[in-house]
């Protein structure tokens, strides 16, 4: 896997984030760099990579957040739904 272009990454792969295995599944109807994220067989959300010539920008679907590191995007998916209100 290259860090600069995640588009050719596998459709199904596992990555360890904070000592927890995370499964990534690209929907069958696309070849875009978008993956559904599962932890312990439970859907956590989706992430999409945007390439700008350097390291990809990982967008957390359903929020306005973007992260340069895929692990940080996964950590954002792990937050409880009340996190935004509590932070304010």
N, C-alpha and C. Protein backbone atom coordinates (compact mmCIF):
# COMPACT_ATOMS: atom_id res chain seq x y z
N UNK A 1 0.84 -1.18 0.00
CA UNK A 1 0.00 0.00 0.00
C UNK A 1 0.88 1.24 0.00
N UNK A 2 0.58 2.15 -0.86
CA UNK A 2 1.32 3.41 -0.84
C UNK A 2 0.52 4.42 -0.03
N UNK A 3 1.23 5.24 0.69
CA UNK A 3 0.56 6.24 1.53
C UNK A 3 0.07 7.41 0.68
N UNK A 4 0.68 7.65 -0.48
CA UNK A 4 0.29 8.81 -1.28
C UNK A 4 -0.93 8.56 -2.14
N UNK A 5 -1.21 7.32 -2.48
CA UNK A 5 -2.37 7.02 -3.33
C UNK A 5 -3.09 5.78 -2.82
N UNK A 6 -4.10 5.95 -1.99
CA UNK A 6 -4.82 4.79 -1.46
C UNK A 6 -5.81 4.17 -2.43
N UNK A 7 -6.05 4.78 -3.59
CA UNK A 7 -7.03 4.24 -4.54
C UNK A 7 -6.78 2.78 -4.91
N UNK A 8 -5.53 2.35 -5.15
CA UNK A 8 -5.32 0.95 -5.52
C UNK A 8 -5.28 -0.02 -4.33
N UNK A 9 -5.52 0.47 -3.12
CA UNK A 9 -5.53 -0.42 -1.96
C UNK A 9 -6.57 -1.51 -2.17
N UNK A 10 -6.43 -2.59 -1.46
CA UNK A 10 -7.34 -3.72 -1.57
C UNK A 10 -8.77 -3.30 -1.21
N UNK A 11 -9.74 -4.05 -1.72
CA UNK A 11 -11.15 -3.79 -1.40
C UNK A 11 -11.49 -4.23 0.02
N UNK A 12 -10.72 -5.15 0.54
CA UNK A 12 -10.93 -5.66 1.90
C UNK A 12 -9.57 -5.81 2.56
N UNK A 13 -9.36 -5.10 3.67
CA UNK A 13 -8.11 -5.25 4.40
C UNK A 13 -8.34 -4.93 5.87
N UNK A 14 -7.40 -5.36 6.69
CA UNK A 14 -7.46 -5.09 8.13
C UNK A 14 -6.22 -4.29 8.52
N UNK A 15 -6.41 -3.33 9.40
CA UNK A 15 -5.33 -2.49 9.89
C UNK A 15 -5.51 -2.39 11.39
N UNK A 16 -4.43 -2.39 12.13
CA UNK A 16 -4.49 -2.26 13.58
C UNK A 16 -4.38 -0.78 13.95
N UNK A 17 -5.37 -0.30 14.71
CA UNK A 17 -5.39 1.09 15.18
C UNK A 17 -5.54 1.04 16.69
N UNK A 18 -4.55 1.55 17.40
CA UNK A 18 -4.55 1.53 18.87
C UNK A 18 -4.76 0.12 19.40
N UNK A 19 -4.02 -0.82 18.82
CA UNK A 19 -4.03 -2.22 19.24
C UNK A 19 -5.35 -2.95 19.00
N UNK A 20 -6.23 -2.35 18.19
CA UNK A 20 -7.52 -2.96 17.86
C UNK A 20 -7.58 -3.21 16.35
N UNK A 21 -7.96 -4.42 15.93
CA UNK A 21 -8.08 -4.65 14.49
C UNK A 21 -9.30 -3.93 13.93
N UNK A 22 -9.10 -3.28 12.81
CA UNK A 22 -10.16 -2.53 12.13
C UNK A 22 -10.24 -3.08 10.70
N UNK A 23 -11.45 -3.46 10.29
CA UNK A 23 -11.65 -3.99 8.95
C UNK A 23 -12.17 -2.88 8.04
N UNK A 24 -11.63 -2.84 6.83
CA UNK A 24 -12.02 -1.87 5.82
C UNK A 24 -12.61 -2.62 4.64
N UNK A 25 -13.78 -2.20 4.19
CA UNK A 25 -14.46 -2.86 3.08
C UNK A 25 -14.88 -1.79 2.08
N UNK A 26 -14.36 -1.90 0.85
CA UNK A 26 -14.77 -0.96 -0.19
C UNK A 26 -16.08 -1.47 -0.79
N UNK A 27 -17.09 -0.62 -0.93
CA UNK A 27 -18.35 -1.06 -1.53
C UNK A 27 -18.12 -1.62 -2.94
N UNK A 28 -18.86 -2.64 -3.29
CA UNK A 28 -18.67 -3.33 -4.57
C UNK A 28 -19.00 -2.46 -5.77
N UNK A 29 -19.79 -1.41 -5.58
CA UNK A 29 -20.22 -0.60 -6.72
C UNK A 29 -19.32 0.59 -7.01
N UNK A 30 -18.10 0.61 -6.45
CA UNK A 30 -17.20 1.73 -6.69
C UNK A 30 -15.76 1.28 -6.70
N UNK A 31 -14.92 2.04 -7.39
CA UNK A 31 -13.48 1.83 -7.32
C UNK A 31 -12.81 3.06 -6.70
N UNK A 32 -13.64 3.97 -6.19
CA UNK A 32 -13.14 5.18 -5.53
C UNK A 32 -12.50 4.81 -4.20
N UNK A 33 -11.63 5.65 -3.65
CA UNK A 33 -10.97 5.35 -2.37
C UNK A 33 -11.90 5.64 -1.18
N UNK A 34 -12.93 4.79 -1.05
CA UNK A 34 -13.92 4.90 0.02
C UNK A 34 -14.05 3.53 0.65
N UNK A 35 -14.05 3.49 1.99
CA UNK A 35 -14.19 2.22 2.69
C UNK A 35 -15.17 2.34 3.84
N UNK A 36 -15.98 1.31 4.03
CA UNK A 36 -16.79 1.17 5.23
C UNK A 36 -15.86 0.59 6.29
N UNK A 37 -16.00 1.05 7.51
CA UNK A 37 -15.11 0.67 8.60
C UNK A 37 -15.89 -0.15 9.62
N UNK A 38 -15.30 -1.29 10.02
CA UNK A 38 -15.93 -2.19 11.01
C UNK A 38 -14.93 -2.50 12.11
N UNK A 39 -15.43 -2.49 13.34
CA UNK A 39 -14.64 -2.95 14.49
C UNK A 39 -15.47 -4.00 15.20
N UNK A 40 -14.85 -5.16 15.43
CA UNK A 40 -15.55 -6.28 16.07
C UNK A 40 -16.85 -6.59 15.34
N UNK A 41 -16.80 -6.56 14.01
CA UNK A 41 -17.94 -6.86 13.14
C UNK A 41 -19.09 -5.87 13.28
N UNK A 42 -18.83 -4.70 13.85
CA UNK A 42 -19.85 -3.66 14.00
C UNK A 42 -19.45 -2.47 13.12
N UNK A 43 -20.40 -2.01 12.31
CA UNK A 43 -20.15 -0.86 11.43
C UNK A 43 -19.86 0.38 12.26
N UNK A 44 -18.73 1.04 11.96
CA UNK A 44 -18.35 2.25 12.69
C UNK A 44 -18.58 3.51 11.87
N UNK A 45 -18.61 3.39 10.55
CA UNK A 45 -18.76 4.55 9.69
C UNK A 45 -17.98 4.34 8.41
N UNK A 46 -17.76 5.43 7.67
CA UNK A 46 -17.03 5.36 6.41
C UNK A 46 -15.96 6.43 6.36
N UNK A 47 -14.90 6.12 5.64
CA UNK A 47 -13.84 7.09 5.40
C UNK A 47 -13.56 7.14 3.90
N UNK A 48 -13.17 8.30 3.42
CA UNK A 48 -12.82 8.48 2.01
C UNK A 48 -11.52 9.25 1.93
N UNK A 49 -10.69 8.87 0.98
CA UNK A 49 -9.39 9.53 0.80
C UNK A 49 -9.47 10.53 -0.34
N UNK A 50 -8.92 11.70 -0.11
CA UNK A 50 -8.79 12.72 -1.15
C UNK A 50 -7.31 12.95 -1.37
N UNK A 51 -6.88 12.79 -2.59
CA UNK A 51 -5.47 12.97 -2.91
C UNK A 51 -5.23 14.38 -3.40
N UNK A 52 -4.15 14.99 -2.89
CA UNK A 52 -3.78 16.32 -3.37
C UNK A 52 -2.33 16.34 -3.82
N UNK A 53 -1.82 15.17 -4.18
CA UNK A 53 -0.43 15.07 -4.63
C UNK A 53 0.53 14.67 -3.53
N UNK A 54 0.13 14.86 -2.28
CA UNK A 54 0.94 14.46 -1.15
C UNK A 54 0.24 13.36 -0.39
N UNK A 55 0.33 13.42 0.91
CA UNK A 55 -0.40 12.45 1.72
C UNK A 55 -1.88 12.68 1.55
N UNK A 56 -2.67 11.60 1.53
CA UNK A 56 -4.12 11.79 1.35
C UNK A 56 -4.76 12.47 2.55
N UNK A 57 -5.85 13.12 2.29
CA UNK A 57 -6.68 13.72 3.33
C UNK A 57 -7.84 12.76 3.54
N UNK A 58 -8.00 12.24 4.75
CA UNK A 58 -9.04 11.26 5.05
C UNK A 58 -10.26 11.97 5.59
N UNK A 59 -11.36 11.87 4.86
CA UNK A 59 -12.62 12.48 5.26
C UNK A 59 -13.47 11.46 6.01
N UNK A 60 -13.98 11.87 7.15
CA UNK A 60 -14.90 11.04 7.91
C UNK A 60 -16.29 11.36 7.38
N UNK A 61 -16.93 10.37 6.78
CA UNK A 61 -18.25 10.59 6.18
C UNK A 61 -19.27 10.94 7.27
N UNK A 62 -20.12 11.90 6.95
CA UNK A 62 -21.15 12.31 7.89
C UNK A 62 -20.70 13.41 8.84
N UNK A 63 -19.47 13.86 8.70
CA UNK A 63 -18.99 14.98 9.52
C UNK A 63 -18.13 15.87 8.63
N UNK A 64 -17.73 16.97 9.14
CA UNK A 64 -16.88 17.87 8.37
C UNK A 64 -15.40 17.63 8.66
N UNK A 65 -15.11 16.57 9.38
CA UNK A 65 -13.72 16.33 9.78
C UNK A 65 -12.89 15.73 8.66
N UNK A 66 -11.62 16.15 8.64
CA UNK A 66 -10.65 15.60 7.72
C UNK A 66 -9.34 15.43 8.48
N UNK A 67 -8.63 14.36 8.19
CA UNK A 67 -7.40 14.03 8.90
C UNK A 67 -6.33 13.61 7.91
N UNK A 68 -5.09 13.98 8.18
CA UNK A 68 -3.97 13.55 7.34
C UNK A 68 -3.57 12.11 7.65
N UNK A 69 -3.94 11.62 8.82
CA UNK A 69 -3.57 10.27 9.21
C UNK A 69 -4.83 9.40 9.29
N UNK A 70 -4.80 8.25 8.64
CA UNK A 70 -5.95 7.35 8.64
C UNK A 70 -6.31 6.93 10.06
N UNK A 71 -5.33 6.69 10.90
CA UNK A 71 -5.61 6.29 12.28
C UNK A 71 -6.41 7.36 13.02
N UNK A 72 -6.10 8.63 12.77
CA UNK A 72 -6.86 9.71 13.41
C UNK A 72 -8.31 9.74 12.93
N UNK A 73 -8.53 9.43 11.66
CA UNK A 73 -9.91 9.36 11.14
C UNK A 73 -10.67 8.24 11.83
N UNK A 74 -10.01 7.11 12.08
CA UNK A 74 -10.66 5.99 12.78
C UNK A 74 -10.96 6.38 14.22
N UNK A 75 -10.06 7.08 14.86
CA UNK A 75 -10.31 7.55 16.23
C UNK A 75 -11.53 8.48 16.27
N UNK A 76 -11.69 9.30 15.24
CA UNK A 76 -12.86 10.18 15.18
C UNK A 76 -14.15 9.37 15.06
N UNK A 77 -14.11 8.27 14.31
CA UNK A 77 -15.29 7.41 14.20
C UNK A 77 -15.64 6.74 15.53
N UNK A 78 -14.66 6.56 16.37
CA UNK A 78 -14.89 5.90 17.67
C UNK A 78 -15.55 6.81 18.70
N UNK A 79 -15.54 8.08 18.46
CA UNK A 79 -16.11 9.00 19.45
C UNK A 79 -17.61 8.74 19.63
N UNK A 80 -18.12 8.95 20.84
CA UNK A 80 -19.57 8.81 21.03
C UNK A 80 -20.30 9.93 20.29
N UNK A 81 -21.53 9.69 19.93
CA UNK A 81 -22.31 10.68 19.19
C UNK A 81 -22.48 11.98 19.98
N UNK A 82 -22.36 11.91 21.30
CA UNK A 82 -22.51 13.10 22.14
C UNK A 82 -21.23 13.94 22.20
N UNK A 83 -20.16 13.51 21.57
CA UNK A 83 -18.86 14.16 21.69
C UNK A 83 -18.92 15.63 21.27
N UNK A 84 -19.58 15.96 20.18
CA UNK A 84 -19.66 17.34 19.71
C UNK A 84 -20.34 18.24 20.72
N UNK A 85 -21.45 17.79 21.27
CA UNK A 85 -22.18 18.60 22.28
C UNK A 85 -21.34 18.76 23.54
N UNK A 86 -20.70 17.70 23.97
CA UNK A 86 -19.88 17.75 25.18
C UNK A 86 -18.69 18.66 25.01
N UNK A 87 -18.11 18.69 23.80
CA UNK A 87 -16.95 19.53 23.54
C UNK A 87 -17.32 21.00 23.60
N UNK A 88 -18.54 21.34 23.15
CA UNK A 88 -18.99 22.73 23.18
C UNK A 88 -19.22 23.15 24.62
